[in-house]
Amino acid sequence: MLNKRFVTGAPIWVDMCAPDLDAVGAFYREVFGWELLRGGEEVGGYSQYQRSGRTVAGAMAMPADQASPSWSVYFRTPDVDATAKAVDQAGGRTVFGPADVLDLGRMAGFADSAGVPFCVWQQGEMKGLDVVNEPGSLVWSELYTPDVAAAVAFYGEVFGWQTTEASFPGGSYTMVHPADGTADDMFGGVVPLDSDPAEAEAGAYWMPYFQVEDCDDAAARARRGGGTVRMEPVSMEGVGRFAKLADPAGARFAVLQPSP
């Protein structure tokens, strides 16, 4: 699972965009107990979700005609510009940046070789999320892609990711960890898009998982908050209980209640 060492290539930040942050802010307060901390003009209105005073995610109001409501995963890089060149060489493309964000850090947004968006962050004054791998915070990420082998090759070239295959009844699951880490630093998985009809219809993307203490309660809270339960809670031995959700604006994410 994630840890706060934030080694190169590991998730370091996550944020979402939606036309109405007040509406989705109420939803995430219901599900996770998050509070929306509005950003000022100096950061273009970029806001943060906090839990118990610690930042767990970012948020930005974006008109629907400019961007579909969605979550974005950011990976740590020591050099955004070098990563941009690596993305280009690996068959991806730059969507925005690289650009400095005050003295907080440097960022850019890319699309991988299958067109799936992702972002990178080069640490400045802001090192990353205040908390991960705890209830109400990022704990895992999953890439739904049309070609697992091509995705593994792309991110391996860009970040040096290494993989491990985990077998389960009826198939296997590709897990990834940073080049500077070990198998204990697994932070995500790569999943064939056609393995889930609902995901295939919506399209390839990176899906963040947020840890919860009770998966079934989180799904019920999502419904009460005006969101959607895209996949009912299910249990997997050695992993825990998880569900796929969407907020009222349609941004997709998942929740995980890890096994003890």
C-alpha atoms as a PDB file:
ATOM      1  CA  MET A   1       0.000   0.000   0.000  1.00  0.00           C
ATOM      2  CA  LEU A   2       0.981   3.650  -0.125  1.00  0.00           C
ATOM      3  CA  ASN A   3       3.414   5.249   2.282  1.00  0.00           C
ATOM      4  CA  LYS A   4       4.609   8.781   2.968  1.00  0.00           C
ATOM      5  CA  ARG A   5       8.139   8.262   1.604  1.00  0.00           C
ATOM      6  CA  PHE A   6       6.842   9.432  -1.790  1.00  0.00           C
ATOM      7  CA  VAL A   7       9.627   7.819  -3.818  1.00  0.00           C
ATOM      8  CA  THR A   8       9.976   8.660  -7.516  1.00  0.00           C
ATOM      9  CA  GLY A   9       7.121   7.234  -9.564  1.00  0.00           C
ATOM     10  CA  ALA A  10       4.766   6.749  -6.614  1.00  0.00           C
ATOM     11  CA  PRO A  11       1.438   8.582  -6.195  1.00  0.00           C
ATOM     12  CA  ILE A  12       2.023  11.865  -4.389  1.00  0.00           C
ATOM     13  CA  TRP A  13      -1.237  13.794  -4.907  1.00  0.00           C
ATOM     14  CA  VAL A  14      -4.794  13.318  -6.095  1.00  0.00           C
ATOM     15  CA  ASP A  15      -7.409  15.871  -7.067  1.00  0.00           C
ATOM     16  CA  MET A  16     -10.769  16.185  -8.738  1.00  0.00           C
ATOM     17  CA  CYS A  17     -12.660  18.703 -10.829  1.00  0.00           C
ATOM     18  CA  ALA A  18     -16.374  19.447 -11.057  1.00  0.00           C
ATOM     19  CA  PRO A  19     -18.531  22.425 -12.073  1.00  0.00           C
ATOM     20  CA  ASP A  20     -19.931  22.905  -8.538  1.00  0.00           C
ATOM     21  CA  LEU A  21     -17.522  22.245  -5.671  1.00  0.00           C
ATOM     22  CA  ASP A  22     -20.151  23.092  -3.070  1.00  0.00           C
ATOM     23  CA  ALA A  23     -22.379  20.255  -4.300  1.00  0.00           C
ATOM     24  CA  VAL A  24     -19.650  17.647  -4.462  1.00  0.00           C
ATOM     25  CA  GLY A  25     -18.078  19.017  -1.281  1.00  0.00           C
ATOM     26  CA  ALA A  26     -21.244  18.139   0.625  1.00  0.00           C
ATOM     27  CA  PHE A  27     -21.079  14.634  -0.866  1.00  0.00           C
ATOM     28  CA  TYR A  28     -17.494  14.014   0.212  1.00  0.00           C
ATOM     29  CA  ARG A  29     -18.254  15.379   3.670  1.00  0.00           C
ATOM     30  CA  GLU A  30     -21.045  12.806   3.931  1.00  0.00           C
ATOM     31  CA  VAL A  31     -18.909   9.907   2.694  1.00  0.00           C
ATOM     32  CA  PHE A  32     -15.483  10.673   4.210  1.00  0.00           C
ATOM     33  CA  GLY A  33     -15.937  13.535   6.645  1.00  0.00           C
ATOM     34  CA  TRP A  34     -13.871  15.837   4.414  1.00  0.00           C
ATOM     35  CA  GLU A  35     -14.040  19.617   4.682  1.00  0.00           C
ATOM     36  CA  LEU A  36     -13.468  21.803   1.619  1.00  0.00           C
ATOM     37  CA  LEU A  37     -10.828  24.487   2.146  1.00  0.00           C
ATOM     38  CA  ARG A  38     -11.245  27.089  -0.567  1.00  0.00           C
ATOM     39  CA  GLY A  39      -8.135  28.411  -2.298  1.00  0.00           C
ATOM     40  CA  GLY A  40      -7.480  32.086  -2.958  1.00  0.00           C
ATOM     41  CA  GLU A  41      -6.754  34.030  -6.115  1.00  0.00           C
ATOM     42  CA  GLU A  42      -3.017  33.427  -5.770  1.00  0.00           C
ATOM     43  CA  VAL A  43      -3.625  29.739  -6.597  1.00  0.00           C
ATOM     44  CA  GLY A  44      -6.439  30.327  -9.076  1.00  0.00           C
ATOM     45  CA  GLY A  45      -9.094  29.123  -6.671  1.00  0.00           C
ATOM     46  CA  TYR A  46      -7.505  25.700  -6.329  1.00  0.00           C
ATOM     47  CA  SER A  47      -8.974  24.142  -3.185  1.00  0.00           C
ATOM     48  CA  GLN A  48      -8.170  21.282  -0.833  1.00  0.00           C
ATOM     49  CA  TYR A  49     -10.144  18.612   0.958  1.00  0.00           C
ATOM     50  CA  GLN A  50      -9.023  18.122   4.524  1.00  0.00           C
ATOM     51  CA  ARG A  51      -9.817  15.590   7.217  1.00  0.00           C
ATOM     52  CA  SER A  52      -8.978  16.477  10.800  1.00  0.00           C
ATOM     53  CA  GLY A  53      -6.932  19.413   9.492  1.00  0.00           C
ATOM     54  CA  ARG A  54      -4.787  17.294   7.147  1.00  0.00           C
ATOM     55  CA  THR A  55      -4.955  17.516   3.355  1.00  0.00           C
ATOM     56  CA  VAL A  56      -6.247  14.360   1.676  1.00  0.00           C
ATOM     57  CA  ALA A  57      -6.958  15.676  -1.849  1.00  0.00           C
ATOM     58  CA  GLY A  58      -7.229  18.753  -4.056  1.00  0.00           C
ATOM     59  CA  ALA A  59     -10.224  20.161  -5.935  1.00  0.00           C
ATOM     60  CA  MET A  60     -10.837  22.625  -8.733  1.00  0.00           C
ATOM     61  CA  ALA A  61     -14.050  24.090 -10.114  1.00  0.00           C
ATOM     62  CA  MET A  62     -14.140  23.501 -13.875  1.00  0.00           C
ATOM     63  CA  PRO A  63     -17.033  24.270 -16.254  1.00  0.00           C
ATOM     64  CA  ALA A  64     -18.518  21.127 -17.768  1.00  0.00           C
ATOM     65  CA  ASP A  65     -17.652  22.301 -21.282  1.00  0.00           C
ATOM     66  CA  GLN A  66     -13.965  22.467 -20.336  1.00  0.00           C
ATOM     67  CA  ALA A  67     -13.497  19.202 -18.474  1.00  0.00           C
ATOM     68  CA  SER A  68     -15.594  16.208 -17.491  1.00  0.00           C
ATOM     69  CA  PRO A  69     -15.881  15.718 -13.721  1.00  0.00           C
ATOM     70  CA  SER A  70     -13.102  13.311 -12.799  1.00  0.00           C
ATOM     71  CA  TRP A  71     -10.335  12.371 -10.391  1.00  0.00           C
ATOM     72  CA  SER A  72      -6.661  12.716 -11.364  1.00  0.00           C
ATOM     73  CA  VAL A  73      -3.667  10.884  -9.902  1.00  0.00           C
ATOM     74  CA  TYR A  74      -0.271  12.632  -9.654  1.00  0.00           C
ATOM     75  CA  PHE A  75       3.030  10.731  -9.560  1.00  0.00           C
ATOM     76  CA  ARG A  76       6.252  12.040  -8.070  1.00  0.00           C
ATOM     77  CA  THR A  77       9.062  13.083 -10.388  1.00  0.00           C
ATOM     78  CA  PRO A  78      12.359  14.799  -9.539  1.00  0.00           C
ATOM     79  CA  ASP A  79      12.320  16.559 -12.934  1.00  0.00           C
ATOM     80  CA  VAL A  80       9.052  17.412 -14.708  1.00  0.00           C
ATOM     81  CA  ASP A  81      10.783  18.457 -17.925  1.00  0.00           C
ATOM     82  CA  ALA A  82      12.727  15.202 -18.157  1.00  0.00           C
ATOM     83  CA  THR A  83       9.491  13.286 -17.546  1.00  0.00           C
ATOM     84  CA  ALA A  84       7.806  15.217 -20.383  1.00  0.00           C
ATOM     85  CA  LYS A  85      10.550  14.059 -22.745  1.00  0.00           C
ATOM     86  CA  ALA A  86      10.220  10.485 -21.503  1.00  0.00           C
ATOM     87  CA  VAL A  87       6.453  10.569 -22.051  1.00  0.00           C
ATOM     88  CA  ASP A  88       6.953  11.749 -25.637  1.00  0.00           C
ATOM     89  CA  GLN A  89       9.563   9.088 -26.330  1.00  0.00           C
ATOM     90  CA  ALA A  90       7.291   6.385 -24.888  1.00  0.00           C
ATOM     91  CA  GLY A  91       4.386   7.311 -27.166  1.00  0.00           C
ATOM     92  CA  GLY A  92       2.390   9.583 -24.880  1.00  0.00           C
ATOM     93  CA  ARG A  93       1.743  13.297 -25.142  1.00  0.00           C
ATOM     94  CA  THR A  94       1.774  16.451 -23.020  1.00  0.00           C
ATOM     95  CA  VAL A  95      -1.666  17.866 -22.184  1.00  0.00           C
ATOM     96  CA  PHE A  96      -0.518  20.892 -20.173  1.00  0.00           C
ATOM     97  CA  GLY A  97       2.667  22.297 -18.645  1.00  0.00           C
ATOM     98  CA  PRO A  98       5.290  21.813 -17.434  1.00  0.00           C
ATOM     99  CA  ALA A  99       4.634  24.813 -15.200  1.00  0.00           C
ATOM    100  CA  ASP A 100       5.686  26.196 -11.826  1.00  0.00           C
ATOM    101  CA  VAL A 101       3.040  26.585  -9.121  1.00  0.00           C
ATOM    102  CA  LEU A 102       4.399  29.498  -7.071  1.00  0.00           C
ATOM    103  CA  ASP A 103       7.148  28.007  -4.892  1.00  0.00           C
ATOM    104  CA  LEU A 104       5.009  24.976  -4.103  1.00  0.00           C
ATOM    105  CA  GLY A 105       6.366  22.799  -6.891  1.00  0.00           C
ATOM    106  CA  ARG A 106       6.261  22.105 -10.598  1.00  0.00           C
ATOM    107  CA  MET A 107       3.641  20.083 -12.454  1.00  0.00           C
ATOM    108  CA  ALA A 108       2.436  18.800 -15.805  1.00  0.00           C
ATOM    109  CA  GLY A 109      -0.415  16.751 -17.212  1.00  0.00           C
ATOM    110  CA  PHE A 110       0.037  13.969 -19.762  1.00  0.00           C
ATOM    111  CA  ALA A 111      -1.813  11.272 -21.654  1.00  0.00           C
ATOM    112  CA  ASP A 112      -0.246   7.822 -21.789  1.00  0.00           C
ATOM    113  CA  SER A 113       0.124   5.739 -24.950  1.00  0.00           C
ATOM    114  CA  ALA A 114      -3.562   4.748 -24.741  1.00  0.00           C
ATOM    115  CA  GLY A 115      -4.693   8.331 -24.151  1.00  0.00           C
ATOM    116  CA  VAL A 116      -5.326   7.951 -20.402  1.00  0.00           C
ATOM    117  CA  PRO A 117      -4.700  11.204 -18.482  1.00  0.00           C
ATOM    118  CA  PHE A 118      -2.295  11.379 -15.538  1.00  0.00           C
ATOM    119  CA  CYS A 119      -0.246  14.101 -13.859  1.00  0.00           C
ATOM    120  CA  VAL A 120       3.151  14.508 -12.232  1.00  0.00           C
ATOM    121  CA  TRP A 121       4.422  16.661  -9.393  1.00  0.00           C
ATOM    122  CA  GLN A 122       7.964  17.874  -8.700  1.00  0.00           C
ATOM    123  CA  GLN A 123       8.224  18.748  -5.039  1.00  0.00           C
ATOM    124  CA  GLY A 124       8.846  22.304  -3.882  1.00  0.00           C
ATOM    125  CA  GLU A 125       7.482  23.722  -0.653  1.00  0.00           C
ATOM    126  CA  MET A 126       4.566  21.306  -0.965  1.00  0.00           C
ATOM    127  CA  LYS A 127       5.814  17.751  -0.590  1.00  0.00           C
ATOM    128  CA  GLY A 128       2.532  15.919  -1.234  1.00  0.00           C
ATOM    129  CA  LEU A 129      -0.577  14.737   0.565  1.00  0.00           C
ATOM    130  CA  ASP A 130      -0.519  15.088   4.341  1.00  0.00           C
ATOM    131  CA  VAL A 131      -1.916  11.627   4.894  1.00  0.00           C
ATOM    132  CA  VAL A 132      -2.286   8.377   2.922  1.00  0.00           C
ATOM    133  CA  ASN A 133      -3.170   4.794   3.789  1.00  0.00           C
ATOM    134  CA  GLU A 134      -5.532   5.819   6.582  1.00  0.00           C
ATOM    135  CA  PRO A 135      -9.343   6.042   6.725  1.00  0.00           C
ATOM    136  CA  GLY A 136     -10.526   8.878   4.491  1.00  0.00           C
ATOM    137  CA  SER A 137      -7.318   9.067   2.451  1.00  0.00           C
ATOM    138  CA  LEU A 138      -5.755   7.642  -0.716  1.00  0.00           C
ATOM    139  CA  VAL A 139      -4.745   4.009  -0.337  1.00  0.00           C
ATOM    140  CA  TRP A 140      -4.518   2.507  -3.854  1.00  0.00           C
ATOM    141  CA  SER A 141      -4.855   3.423  -7.552  1.00  0.00           C
ATOM    142  CA  GLU A 142      -5.989   1.368 -10.498  1.00  0.00           C
ATOM    143  CA  LEU A 143      -5.441   1.901 -14.212  1.00  0.00           C
ATOM    144  CA  TYR A 144      -8.164   0.615 -16.522  1.00  0.00           C
ATOM    145  CA  THR A 145      -6.559   0.290 -19.935  1.00  0.00           C
ATOM    146  CA  PRO A 146      -7.246  -1.479 -23.246  1.00  0.00           C
ATOM    147  CA  ASP A 147      -3.763  -3.046 -23.290  1.00  0.00           C
ATOM    148  CA  VAL A 148      -2.124  -4.029 -19.994  1.00  0.00           C
ATOM    149  CA  ALA A 149       1.216  -4.994 -21.559  1.00  0.00           C
ATOM    150  CA  ALA A 150       1.466  -1.707 -23.471  1.00  0.00           C
ATOM    151  CA  ALA A 151       0.584   0.282 -20.343  1.00  0.00           C
ATOM    152  CA  VAL A 152       3.184  -1.533 -18.253  1.00  0.00           C
ATOM    153  CA  ALA A 153       5.785  -0.864 -20.950  1.00  0.00           C
ATOM    154  CA  PHE A 154       4.851   2.835 -21.156  1.00  0.00           C
ATOM    155  CA  TYR A 155       4.977   3.549 -17.432  1.00  0.00           C
ATOM    156  CA  GLY A 156       8.032   1.371 -17.057  1.00  0.00           C
ATOM    157  CA  GLU A 157       9.826   3.569 -19.580  1.00  0.00           C
ATOM    158  CA  VAL A 158       8.597   6.826 -18.037  1.00  0.00           C
ATOM    159  CA  PHE A 159       8.910   6.000 -14.315  1.00  0.00           C
ATOM    160  CA  GLY A 160      10.785   2.707 -14.175  1.00  0.00           C
ATOM    161  CA  TRP A 161       7.863   0.925 -12.537  1.00  0.00           C
ATOM    162  CA  GLN A 162       8.228  -2.757 -11.748  1.00  0.00           C
ATOM    163  CA  THR A 163       5.382  -5.261 -11.656  1.00  0.00           C
ATOM    164  CA  THR A 164       4.251  -8.313  -9.737  1.00  0.00           C
ATOM    165  CA  GLU A 165       1.498 -10.708 -10.803  1.00  0.00           C
ATOM    166  CA  ALA A 166      -0.985 -11.837  -8.173  1.00  0.00           C
ATOM    167  CA  SER A 167      -3.085 -14.884  -9.029  1.00  0.00           C
ATOM    168  CA  PHE A 168      -6.734 -15.247  -8.086  1.00  0.00           C
ATOM    169  CA  PRO A 169      -9.449 -17.724  -9.127  1.00  0.00           C
ATOM    170  CA  GLY A 170     -10.075 -17.147 -12.805  1.00  0.00           C
ATOM    171  CA  GLY A 171      -7.134 -14.872 -13.586  1.00  0.00           C
ATOM    172  CA  SER A 172      -4.329 -12.650 -12.363  1.00  0.00           C
ATOM    173  CA  TYR A 173      -3.830  -9.060 -11.270  1.00  0.00           C
ATOM    174  CA  THR A 174      -0.885  -6.878 -12.316  1.00  0.00           C
ATOM    175  CA  MET A 175       0.443  -4.774  -9.431  1.00  0.00           C
ATOM    176  CA  VAL A 176       3.002  -1.982  -9.779  1.00  0.00           C
ATOM    177  CA  HIS A 177       5.609  -0.442  -7.499  1.00  0.00           C
ATOM    178  CA  PRO A 178       8.295   2.239  -7.977  1.00  0.00           C
ATOM    179  CA  ALA A 179      11.756   1.426  -9.237  1.00  0.00           C
ATOM    180  CA  ASP A 180      13.223   2.798  -5.993  1.00  0.00           C
ATOM    181  CA  GLY A 181      10.840   0.718  -3.895  1.00  0.00           C
ATOM    182  CA  THR A 182      10.129  -2.919  -3.218  1.00  0.00           C
ATOM    183  CA  ALA A 183       7.119  -5.206  -3.406  1.00  0.00           C
ATOM    184  CA  ASP A 184       6.121  -3.720  -0.034  1.00  0.00           C
ATOM    185  CA  ASP A 185       5.636  -0.383  -1.839  1.00  0.00           C
ATOM    186  CA  MET A 186       2.909  -1.625  -4.193  1.00  0.00           C
ATOM    187  CA  PHE A 187       0.616   1.312  -4.839  1.00  0.00           C
ATOM    188  CA  GLY A 188      -1.651   0.243  -7.678  1.00  0.00           C
ATOM    189  CA  GLY A 189      -2.837  -2.210 -10.263  1.00  0.00           C
ATOM    190  CA  VAL A 190      -3.315  -2.367 -14.027  1.00  0.00           C
ATOM    191  CA  VAL A 191      -6.607  -3.874 -15.196  1.00  0.00           C
ATOM    192  CA  PRO A 192      -7.864  -4.816 -18.694  1.00  0.00           C
ATOM    193  CA  LEU A 193     -10.607  -2.364 -19.611  1.00  0.00           C
ATOM    194  CA  ASP A 194     -12.788  -5.085 -21.113  1.00  0.00           C
ATOM    195  CA  SER A 195     -12.800  -7.046 -17.839  1.00  0.00           C
ATOM    196  CA  ASP A 196     -15.589  -4.788 -16.546  1.00  0.00           C
ATOM    197  CA  PRO A 197     -18.411  -3.830 -18.942  1.00  0.00           C
ATOM    198  CA  ALA A 198     -19.262  -0.718 -16.910  1.00  0.00           C
ATOM    199  CA  GLU A 199     -15.671   0.538 -17.071  1.00  0.00           C
ATOM    200  CA  ALA A 200     -15.362  -0.346 -20.758  1.00  0.00           C
ATOM    201  CA  GLU A 201     -18.426   1.748 -21.546  1.00  0.00           C
ATOM    202  CA  ALA A 202     -17.104   4.750 -19.602  1.00  0.00           C
ATOM    203  CA  GLY A 203     -13.569   4.537 -21.007  1.00  0.00           C
ATOM    204  CA  ALA A 204      -9.989   4.040 -19.816  1.00  0.00           C
ATOM    205  CA  TYR A 205      -8.850   6.027 -16.756  1.00  0.00           C
ATOM    206  CA  TRP A 206      -6.956   6.060 -13.467  1.00  0.00           C
ATOM    207  CA  MET A 207      -9.258   5.310 -10.524  1.00  0.00           C
ATOM    208  CA  PRO A 208      -8.226   6.289  -6.974  1.00  0.00           C
ATOM    209  CA  TYR A 209      -9.211   4.170  -3.977  1.00  0.00           C
ATOM    210  CA  PHE A 210      -9.858   5.817  -0.620  1.00  0.00           C
ATOM    211  CA  GLN A 211      -9.628   3.808   2.565  1.00  0.00           C
ATOM    212  CA  VAL A 212     -12.727   3.446   4.751  1.00  0.00           C
ATOM    213  CA  GLU A 213     -13.480   1.696   8.018  1.00  0.00           C
ATOM    214  CA  ASP A 214     -16.760   0.233   6.738  1.00  0.00           C
ATOM    215  CA  CYS A 215     -17.240  -0.282   2.998  1.00  0.00           C
ATOM    216  CA  ASP A 216     -20.971  -0.961   3.192  1.00  0.00           C
ATOM    217  CA  ASP A 217     -21.547   2.162   5.269  1.00  0.00           C
ATOM    218  CA  ALA A 218     -19.509   4.234   2.790  1.00  0.00           C
ATOM    219  CA  ALA A 219     -21.660   2.942  -0.089  1.00  0.00           C
ATOM    220  CA  ALA A 220     -24.818   3.795   1.834  1.00  0.00           C
ATOM    221  CA  ARG A 221     -23.476   7.275   2.572  1.00  0.00           C
ATOM    222  CA  ALA A 222     -22.668   7.750  -1.118  1.00  0.00           C
ATOM    223  CA  ARG A 223     -26.278   7.015  -2.000  1.00  0.00           C
ATOM    224  CA  ARG A 224     -27.559   9.375   0.691  1.00  0.00           C
ATOM    225  CA  GLY A 225     -25.233  12.069  -0.595  1.00  0.00           C
ATOM    226  CA  GLY A 226     -26.615  11.888  -4.128  1.00  0.00           C
ATOM    227  CA  GLY A 227     -23.848   9.762  -5.595  1.00  0.00           C
ATOM    228  CA  THR A 228     -23.934   6.420  -7.389  1.00  0.00           C
ATOM    229  CA  VAL A 229     -22.818   2.960  -6.326  1.00  0.00           C
ATOM    230  CA  ARG A 230     -21.337   1.680  -9.593  1.00  0.00           C
ATOM    231  CA  MET A 231     -20.364  -1.670  -8.075  1.00  0.00           C
ATOM    232  CA  GLU A 232     -21.861  -3.006  -4.856  1.00  0.00           C
ATOM    233  CA  PRO A 233     -19.442  -3.878  -2.025  1.00  0.00           C
ATOM    234  CA  VAL A 234     -17.622  -7.168  -2.544  1.00  0.00           C
ATOM    235  CA  SER A 235     -14.984  -8.967  -0.494  1.00  0.00           C
ATOM    236  CA  MET A 236     -11.706 -10.459  -1.688  1.00  0.00           C
ATOM    237  CA  GLU A 237      -9.613 -12.688   0.539  1.00  0.00           C
ATOM    238  CA  GLY A 238      -6.345 -11.067   1.579  1.00  0.00           C
ATOM    239  CA  VAL A 239      -7.424  -7.682   0.216  1.00  0.00           C
ATOM    240  CA  GLY A 240     -10.574  -6.563   1.969  1.00  0.00           C
ATOM    241  CA  ARG A 241     -13.983  -5.242   0.986  1.00  0.00           C
ATOM    242  CA  PHE A 242     -14.337  -2.643  -1.754  1.00  0.00           C
ATOM    243  CA  ALA A 243     -16.917  -0.833  -3.883  1.00  0.00           C
ATOM    244  CA  LYS A 244     -16.897   1.454  -6.891  1.00  0.00           C
ATOM    245  CA  LEU A 245     -18.682   4.779  -6.531  1.00  0.00           C
ATOM    246  CA  ALA A 246     -19.267   8.071  -8.340  1.00  0.00           C
ATOM    247  CA  ASP A 247     -19.979  11.488  -6.882  1.00  0.00           C
ATOM    248  CA  PRO A 248     -23.062  13.543  -7.882  1.00  0.00           C
ATOM    249  CA  ALA A 249     -21.111  15.138 -10.750  1.00  0.00           C
ATOM    250  CA  GLY A 250     -20.081  11.732 -12.109  1.00  0.00           C
ATOM    251  CA  ALA A 251     -16.413  11.559 -11.022  1.00  0.00           C
ATOM    252  CA  ARG A 252     -15.474   7.897 -10.533  1.00  0.00           C
ATOM    253  CA  PHE A 253     -13.553   6.497  -7.572  1.00  0.00           C
ATOM    254  CA  ALA A 254     -13.541   3.481  -5.252  1.00  0.00           C
ATOM    255  CA  VAL A 255     -13.427   2.766  -1.536  1.00  0.00           C
ATOM    256  CA  LEU A 256     -11.516  -0.006   0.219  1.00  0.00           C
ATOM    257  CA  GLN A 257     -11.903  -1.499   3.671  1.00  0.00           C
ATOM    258  CA  PRO A 258      -8.588  -3.382   3.979  1.00  0.00           C
ATOM    259  CA  SER A 259      -8.376  -6.809   5.542  1.00  0.00           C
ATOM    260  CA  PRO A 260      -7.099  -6.690   9.139  1.00  0.00           C
END
